Amino acid sequence: MRRQLGIGDGTQLEVTVQDHEVTLRPATVITAEDRWAYAPEAIASLKRALADVKAGYVFQLTEGELLKGKYPKRAPRKAAARRAKR
């Protein structure tokens, strides 16, 4: 039956029983040390970082450029610029 269902060794399943019916669903286990990455705060931070990339606020530089301070100065974020005008 495992072969018919495509269930291999080590496959983890979520099992539910409702109205005399058993349902098997693939389960993904997230280790405790990785659970932080799925917290709402971490996801929001990632979205902000991706928005920075899209807006052009991200650039590459070598370690030498970083140590010499030779890197472009980024423009202030729009929200910061609006606050400064007040």
Protein backbone atom coordinates (compact mmCIF):
# COMPACT_ATOMS: atom_id res chain seq x y z
CA MET A 1 0.00 0.00 0.00
CA ARG A 2 2.92 2.39 0.73
CA ARG A 3 4.13 2.05 -2.86
CA GLN A 4 0.65 2.70 -4.22
CA LEU A 5 0.47 5.90 -2.18
CA GLY A 6 4.03 6.96 -3.01
CA ILE A 7 5.12 6.84 0.61
CA GLY A 8 8.82 6.08 1.02
CA ASP A 9 11.03 5.37 4.02
CA GLY A 10 11.28 8.39 6.29
CA THR A 11 8.17 10.06 4.89
CA GLN A 12 6.41 12.02 7.61
CA LEU A 13 2.66 12.27 7.50
CA GLU A 14 -0.04 14.18 9.32
CA VAL A 15 -2.88 11.81 10.18
CA THR A 16 -6.41 13.00 10.90
CA VAL A 17 -9.51 10.96 11.61
CA GLN A 18 -12.92 12.47 11.06
CA ASP A 19 -16.25 10.71 10.64
CA HIS A 20 -14.56 7.27 10.45
CA GLU A 21 -12.32 8.51 7.63
CA VAL A 22 -8.53 8.57 7.88
CA THR A 23 -6.71 11.31 5.98
CA LEU A 24 -2.95 11.25 5.37
CA ARG A 25 -1.16 14.44 4.34
CA PRO A 26 2.56 15.03 3.81
CA ALA A 27 4.03 16.84 6.82
CA THR A 28 6.98 19.20 6.87
CA VAL A 29 8.90 19.33 10.11
CA ILE A 30 10.73 22.54 10.95
CA THR A 31 13.48 22.16 13.51
CA ALA A 32 13.44 24.40 16.59
CA GLU A 33 16.63 26.16 15.48
CA ASP A 34 15.01 27.13 12.14
CA ARG A 35 11.57 28.04 13.50
CA TRP A 36 12.55 31.72 13.93
CA ALA A 37 12.67 32.13 10.14
CA TYR A 38 8.92 31.57 9.91
CA ALA A 39 7.96 34.09 12.58
CA PRO A 40 5.95 37.08 11.30
CA GLU A 41 8.79 39.47 12.26
CA ALA A 42 11.34 37.52 10.21
CA ILE A 43 9.04 37.34 7.19
CA ALA A 44 8.35 41.10 7.41
CA SER A 45 12.10 41.78 7.59
CA LEU A 46 12.69 39.67 4.50
CA LYS A 47 9.96 41.52 2.61
CA ARG A 48 11.56 44.86 3.53
CA ALA A 49 14.96 43.58 2.35
CA LEU A 50 13.51 42.43 -0.96
CA ALA A 51 11.82 45.82 -1.40
CA ASP A 52 15.23 47.46 -0.84
CA VAL A 53 16.71 45.29 -3.59
CA LYS A 54 13.87 46.18 -5.95
CA ALA A 55 14.27 49.90 -5.15
CA GLY A 56 17.98 49.77 -5.96
CA TYR A 57 19.24 50.32 -2.41
CA VAL A 58 21.44 47.23 -2.57
CA PHE A 59 24.86 47.11 -4.21
CA GLN A 60 27.85 44.79 -4.34
CA LEU A 61 31.36 45.66 -3.28
CA THR A 62 34.55 43.87 -2.51
CA GLU A 63 36.04 43.56 0.94
CA GLY A 64 38.77 45.99 -0.13
CA GLU A 65 36.23 48.60 -1.22
CA LEU A 66 34.41 48.20 2.07
CA LEU A 67 37.60 48.58 4.12
CA LYS A 68 38.62 51.68 2.14
CA GLY A 69 35.16 53.21 2.49
CA LYS A 70 34.71 53.27 -1.29
CA TYR A 71 31.06 52.54 -1.63
CA PRO A 72 28.11 54.54 -2.94
CA LYS A 73 26.08 56.49 -0.45
CA ARG A 74 22.47 55.55 -0.75
CA ALA A 75 19.67 58.04 -0.95
CA PRO A 76 17.49 58.22 2.16
CA ARG A 77 14.32 56.19 2.14
CA LYS A 78 11.24 58.07 1.03
CA ALA A 79 9.62 57.84 4.47
CA ALA A 80 12.76 59.28 6.11
CA ALA A 81 12.92 62.07 3.55
CA ARG A 82 9.27 62.96 4.22
CA ARG A 83 9.90 63.05 7.99
CA ALA A 84 12.93 65.32 7.50
CA LYS A 85 10.80 67.88 5.57
CA ARG A 86 8.32 68.29 8.43
